[in-house]
């Protein structure tokens, strides 16, 4: 019974999309990806030039790139400054990831790294709950404010509330849209904080069993179409290996939306947050 219902809904959606001209070939949708990692465990097996080629093959035209250590972001930026928007992670190693938010040396580390290349934001960083309410995190936010940087946070509901309260005047991206955080909180943040954005890699519960956007998500993506970003999250070698499938999955649900909304979520929102700099994105 349920399968028949889902099939009918799927066929109706396809008919509606054809009728309105919204069904696009997957490879026609250029994407600006807000969640690419190029960590040290990839440098030897996937040289920077090959990584850039992989992104271009998927019609990923611009990408936020961060890395642990941050030299990976610098490698990809130097390889393709027209494509790569480098993001600075606040931890220098995987071990540092677990205590960076209480490290008194964080401020000096960030200021030193910002001199290397034209970083455009800080993140993706991991911090959870009350750990976000620390002096080093406040210093990081002050640095972002002074240098006009975007924050990209992987956090839980409590952590995001703390960050938004401290950085309401900054552009703040929630990695994975909080993962499985209830949509009512996403809507509340979208309404309350005009500079709050949601990045959708690995976001749960967007699709039903027939791989169709749920009514709740379709409504939210439509109403707040200028506040969402796409992402692939290549946080481990397997995610790089599965990049083609990941991007295809993204284009599948993206193609269920009206063309104007697709353009915002796939590219325009990214470009508003990260307008192109002169001289091919360089200083």
Protein backbone atom coordinates (compact mmCIF):
# COMPACT_ATOMS: atom_id res chain seq x y z
CA UNK A 1 0.00 0.00 0.00
CA UNK A 2 2.73 2.44 1.02
CA UNK A 3 4.89 1.52 -1.97
CA UNK A 4 1.96 2.14 -4.36
CA UNK A 5 1.32 5.50 -2.71
CA UNK A 6 4.99 6.49 -3.02
CA UNK A 7 5.09 5.37 -6.67
CA UNK A 8 2.03 7.44 -7.55
CA UNK A 9 3.52 10.44 -5.78
CA UNK A 10 6.81 9.99 -7.60
CA UNK A 11 5.14 9.71 -11.03
CA UNK A 12 3.00 12.76 -10.32
CA UNK A 13 6.10 14.73 -9.36
CA UNK A 14 7.86 13.71 -12.60
CA UNK A 15 4.83 14.75 -14.66
CA UNK A 16 4.68 18.11 -12.89
CA UNK A 17 8.37 18.68 -13.41
CA UNK A 18 8.17 17.93 -17.12
CA UNK A 19 5.12 20.15 -17.49
CA UNK A 20 6.82 23.11 -15.84
CA UNK A 21 10.19 22.61 -17.53
CA UNK A 22 11.94 21.93 -14.21
CA UNK A 23 13.44 18.56 -15.02
CA UNK A 24 17.07 19.19 -15.91
CA UNK A 25 19.86 16.86 -16.92
CA UNK A 26 21.91 16.18 -13.81
CA UNK A 27 25.18 17.25 -15.39
CA UNK A 28 23.65 20.57 -16.43
CA UNK A 29 23.41 21.81 -12.85
CA UNK A 30 26.62 23.59 -11.94
CA UNK A 31 27.31 23.38 -8.22
CA UNK A 32 29.18 25.56 -5.76
CA UNK A 33 30.12 23.17 -2.97
CA UNK A 34 30.33 24.51 0.57
CA UNK A 35 31.93 21.48 2.21
CA UNK A 36 35.12 20.02 0.74
CA UNK A 37 38.00 18.69 2.85
CA UNK A 38 41.47 17.86 1.56
CA UNK A 39 43.10 16.30 4.59
CA UNK A 40 46.62 14.96 4.90
CA UNK A 41 45.55 11.35 4.37
CA UNK A 42 44.66 12.27 0.77
CA UNK A 43 47.72 14.24 -0.30
CA UNK A 44 49.78 11.31 -1.56
CA UNK A 45 47.03 9.23 -3.17
CA UNK A 46 45.20 12.24 -4.64
CA UNK A 47 47.59 15.07 -5.60
CA UNK A 48 46.14 18.57 -5.63
CA UNK A 49 45.88 18.74 -9.43
CA UNK A 50 43.94 15.46 -9.50
CA UNK A 51 41.62 16.61 -6.72
CA UNK A 52 40.80 19.76 -8.66
CA UNK A 53 40.18 17.69 -11.79
CA UNK A 54 37.76 15.48 -9.86
CA UNK A 55 35.79 18.51 -8.72
CA UNK A 56 35.65 19.97 -12.21
CA UNK A 57 34.48 16.63 -13.64
CA UNK A 58 31.46 16.83 -11.35
CA UNK A 59 30.76 20.39 -12.55
CA UNK A 60 31.67 21.76 -9.15
CA UNK A 61 32.61 25.29 -10.16
CA UNK A 62 33.58 26.80 -6.80
CA UNK A 63 34.25 25.12 -3.46
CA UNK A 64 34.89 25.94 0.18
CA UNK A 65 37.94 23.90 1.13
CA UNK A 66 39.32 23.22 4.58
CA UNK A 67 41.88 20.73 5.77
CA UNK A 68 43.62 19.18 8.75
CA UNK A 69 46.30 20.41 8.79
CA UNK A 70 45.35 23.58 6.97
CA UNK A 71 48.17 23.21 4.41
CA UNK A 72 45.77 21.04 2.40
CA UNK A 73 43.45 23.99 1.80
CA UNK A 74 46.48 26.03 0.78
CA UNK A 75 47.56 23.34 -1.70
CA UNK A 76 44.18 23.29 -3.44
CA UNK A 77 43.92 27.08 -3.39
CA UNK A 78 47.29 27.48 -5.08
CA UNK A 79 46.32 24.85 -7.64
CA UNK A 80 43.02 26.52 -8.55
CA UNK A 81 42.50 29.98 -7.03
CA UNK A 82 39.61 30.53 -9.44
CA UNK A 83 37.71 27.61 -7.87
CA UNK A 84 38.89 27.22 -4.28
CA UNK A 85 37.71 29.44 -1.44
CA UNK A 86 40.03 28.50 1.43
CA UNK A 87 38.64 28.08 4.94
CA UNK A 88 40.85 28.00 8.02
CA UNK A 89 40.27 25.26 10.56
CA UNK A 90 41.10 26.33 14.13
CA UNK A 91 42.97 23.12 14.85
CA UNK A 92 46.41 22.27 13.59
CA UNK A 93 46.06 18.47 13.90
CA UNK A 94 43.43 15.82 14.53
CA UNK A 95 44.51 15.66 18.16
CA UNK A 96 44.09 19.42 18.48
CA UNK A 97 40.49 19.05 17.25
CA UNK A 98 39.44 17.80 20.68
CA UNK A 99 40.72 20.71 22.75
CA UNK A 100 41.16 23.68 20.36
CA UNK A 101 38.20 25.48 21.95
CA UNK A 102 40.08 25.77 25.24
CA UNK A 103 43.58 26.34 23.85
CA UNK A 104 45.02 29.71 24.96
CA UNK A 105 47.33 29.65 21.92
CA UNK A 106 44.40 29.57 19.46
CA UNK A 107 44.36 33.30 18.77
CA UNK A 108 48.05 33.40 17.84
CA UNK A 109 47.65 30.33 15.63
CA UNK A 110 44.73 31.82 13.70
CA UNK A 111 46.43 35.17 13.18
CA UNK A 112 49.60 33.48 11.91
CA UNK A 113 47.72 31.25 9.46
CA UNK A 114 45.62 34.11 8.10
CA UNK A 115 48.82 35.62 6.69
CA UNK A 116 49.47 32.61 4.43
CA UNK A 117 46.69 32.92 1.85
CA UNK A 118 43.43 34.90 1.57
CA UNK A 119 41.27 32.74 3.80
CA UNK A 120 37.59 33.67 3.55
CA UNK A 121 36.28 31.97 6.66
CA UNK A 122 36.96 29.85 9.73
CA UNK A 123 35.75 26.26 9.68
CA UNK A 124 34.57 23.72 9.40
CA UNK A 125 35.19 23.47 13.14
CA UNK A 126 33.74 21.01 15.65
CA UNK A 127 32.49 22.24 19.01
CA UNK A 128 29.55 21.01 21.04
CA UNK A 129 27.31 22.24 23.82
CA UNK A 130 28.74 24.54 26.45
CA UNK A 131 32.25 24.06 25.03
CA UNK A 132 31.30 26.81 22.56
CA UNK A 133 31.10 29.24 25.47
CA UNK A 134 34.84 29.74 26.01
CA UNK A 135 37.34 32.57 25.77
CA UNK A 136 39.25 31.03 22.81
CA UNK A 137 35.99 30.65 20.87
CA UNK A 138 35.12 34.29 21.61
CA UNK A 139 38.58 35.32 20.43
CA UNK A 140 38.06 33.33 17.24
CA UNK A 141 34.75 35.12 16.65
CA UNK A 142 36.43 38.49 17.22
CA UNK A 143 39.07 37.59 14.64
CA UNK A 144 36.34 36.61 12.18
CA UNK A 145 34.63 39.93 12.83
CA UNK A 146 37.82 41.95 12.31
CA UNK A 147 38.79 40.09 9.14
CA UNK A 148 35.27 39.79 7.67
CA UNK A 149 35.30 36.00 7.77
CA UNK A 150 32.43 33.53 7.62
CA UNK A 151 32.04 30.93 10.36
CA UNK A 152 31.30 27.29 9.42
CA UNK A 153 30.36 25.26 12.50
CA UNK A 154 29.75 21.55 13.05
CA UNK A 155 27.84 21.65 16.30
CA UNK A 156 24.71 20.61 18.15
CA UNK A 157 21.65 22.68 18.99
CA UNK A 158 23.06 24.11 22.22
CA UNK A 159 26.38 24.93 20.60
CA UNK A 160 24.75 26.68 17.65
CA UNK A 161 22.59 28.79 19.93
CA UNK A 162 25.70 29.90 21.83
CA UNK A 163 27.55 30.72 18.61
CA UNK A 164 24.63 32.67 17.15
CA UNK A 165 24.25 34.67 20.35
CA UNK A 166 27.94 35.58 20.20
CA UNK A 167 28.12 36.15 16.43
CA UNK A 168 24.69 37.36 15.33
CA UNK A 169 26.41 40.10 13.28
CA UNK A 170 28.43 37.54 11.28
CA UNK A 171 27.57 35.06 8.56
CA UNK A 172 27.31 31.66 10.27
CA UNK A 173 26.91 28.37 8.39
CA UNK A 174 25.60 25.28 10.20
CA UNK A 175 27.39 22.25 8.73
CA UNK A 176 24.99 19.41 7.86
CA UNK A 177 22.08 21.57 9.01
CA UNK A 178 22.69 20.14 12.46
CA UNK A 179 22.52 16.55 11.21
CA UNK A 180 19.26 15.37 12.71
CA UNK A 181 18.20 18.48 14.64
CA UNK A 182 14.43 18.95 14.46
CA UNK A 183 13.39 21.17 11.58
CA UNK A 184 11.44 23.47 13.91
CA UNK A 185 14.74 24.73 15.32
CA UNK A 186 16.16 25.32 11.85
CA UNK A 187 13.09 27.38 11.00
CA UNK A 188 13.39 29.34 14.23
CA UNK A 189 17.03 30.18 13.56
CA UNK A 190 16.26 31.14 9.95
CA UNK A 191 13.58 33.53 11.19
CA UNK A 192 15.57 34.96 14.09
CA UNK A 193 19.07 35.30 12.58
CA UNK A 194 19.17 36.83 9.08
CA UNK A 195 22.84 35.89 8.61
CA UNK A 196 22.35 32.23 9.50
CA UNK A 197 22.83 29.67 6.70
CA UNK A 198 22.34 25.92 6.46
CA UNK A 199 24.76 23.64 4.61
CA UNK A 200 23.10 20.37 3.62
CA UNK A 201 25.74 17.66 3.31
CA UNK A 202 24.72 14.48 5.17
CA UNK A 203 21.53 16.14 6.46
CA UNK A 204 19.09 13.49 7.67
CA UNK A 205 15.33 13.16 7.05
CA UNK A 206 15.15 15.39 3.97
CA UNK A 207 13.84 12.61 1.72
CA UNK A 208 11.12 10.02 2.16
CA UNK A 209 11.45 6.31 1.34
CA UNK A 210 10.89 7.06 -2.34
CA UNK A 211 13.80 9.54 -2.35
CA UNK A 212 11.40 12.48 -2.69
CA UNK A 213 11.77 15.66 -0.67
CA UNK A 214 9.38 15.59 2.26
CA UNK A 215 6.67 18.29 2.22
CA UNK A 216 8.31 19.91 5.23
CA UNK A 217 11.72 20.15 3.56
CA UNK A 218 10.30 21.20 0.21
CA UNK A 219 8.43 23.99 1.98
CA UNK A 220 11.47 25.11 3.96
CA UNK A 221 13.79 25.06 0.93
CA UNK A 222 11.23 27.08 -1.00
CA UNK A 223 10.45 29.64 1.70
CA UNK A 224 14.09 30.19 2.69
CA UNK A 225 15.70 29.42 -0.65
CA UNK A 226 18.39 32.09 -0.17
CA UNK A 227 19.71 30.55 3.05
CA UNK A 228 20.81 27.08 1.97
CA UNK A 229 24.11 25.75 0.61
CA UNK A 230 25.13 22.43 -0.92
CA UNK A 231 28.01 20.30 0.31
CA UNK A 232 29.73 16.96 -0.31
CA UNK A 233 31.88 16.64 2.85
CA UNK A 234 34.93 14.71 1.63
CA UNK A 235 36.10 14.12 5.21
CA UNK A 236 37.68 10.72 4.50
CA UNK A 237 39.15 8.96 1.45
CA UNK A 238 35.96 7.01 0.84
CA UNK A 239 33.99 10.23 0.44
CA UNK A 240 36.39 11.33 -2.31
CA UNK A 241 35.96 7.93 -3.96
CA UNK A 242 32.18 8.32 -3.80
CA UNK A 243 32.12 11.95 -4.98
CA UNK A 244 30.30 11.16 -8.25
CA UNK A 245 27.53 9.34 -6.39
CA UNK A 246 27.31 12.02 -3.70
CA UNK A 247 26.89 14.81 -6.24
CA UNK A 248 24.37 12.76 -8.23
CA UNK A 249 22.30 12.24 -5.07
CA UNK A 250 22.37 15.98 -4.42
CA UNK A 251 21.28 16.78 -7.96
CA UNK A 252 18.47 14.23 -7.65
CA UNK A 253 16.64 16.07 -4.88
CA UNK A 254 17.74 19.49 -6.13
CA UNK A 255 16.04 18.77 -9.46
CA UNK A 256 12.72 18.38 -7.66
CA UNK A 257 12.64 22.13 -6.95
CA UNK A 258 11.72 25.05 -9.24
CA UNK A 259 14.54 26.30 -11.43
CA UNK A 260 14.88 29.66 -9.67
CA UNK A 261 15.26 27.94 -6.31
CA UNK A 262 17.77 25.48 -7.74
CA UNK A 263 19.92 28.41 -8.90
CA UNK A 264 19.89 29.97 -5.43
CA UNK A 265 20.75 26.80 -3.54
CA UNK A 266 23.24 25.46 -6.08
CA UNK A 267 25.19 28.67 -6.73
CA UNK A 268 23.74 32.08 -5.93
CA UNK A 269 23.72 31.85 -2.14
CA UNK A 270 27.33 30.71 -2.18
CA UNK A 271 28.28 33.62 -4.42
CA UNK A 272 26.53 36.13 -2.19
CA UNK A 273 28.47 34.85 0.82
CA UNK A 274 31.74 34.58 -1.09
CA UNK A 275 31.78 37.12 -3.92
CA UNK A 276 34.62 36.67 -6.34
CA UNK A 277 37.76 38.67 -5.63
CA UNK A 278 39.86 40.39 -8.23
CA UNK A 279 42.73 38.48 -9.87
CA UNK A 280 41.09 35.06 -9.81
CA UNK A 281 40.04 35.04 -6.15
CA UNK A 282 43.47 36.16 -4.91
CA UNK A 283 44.56 39.23 -3.05
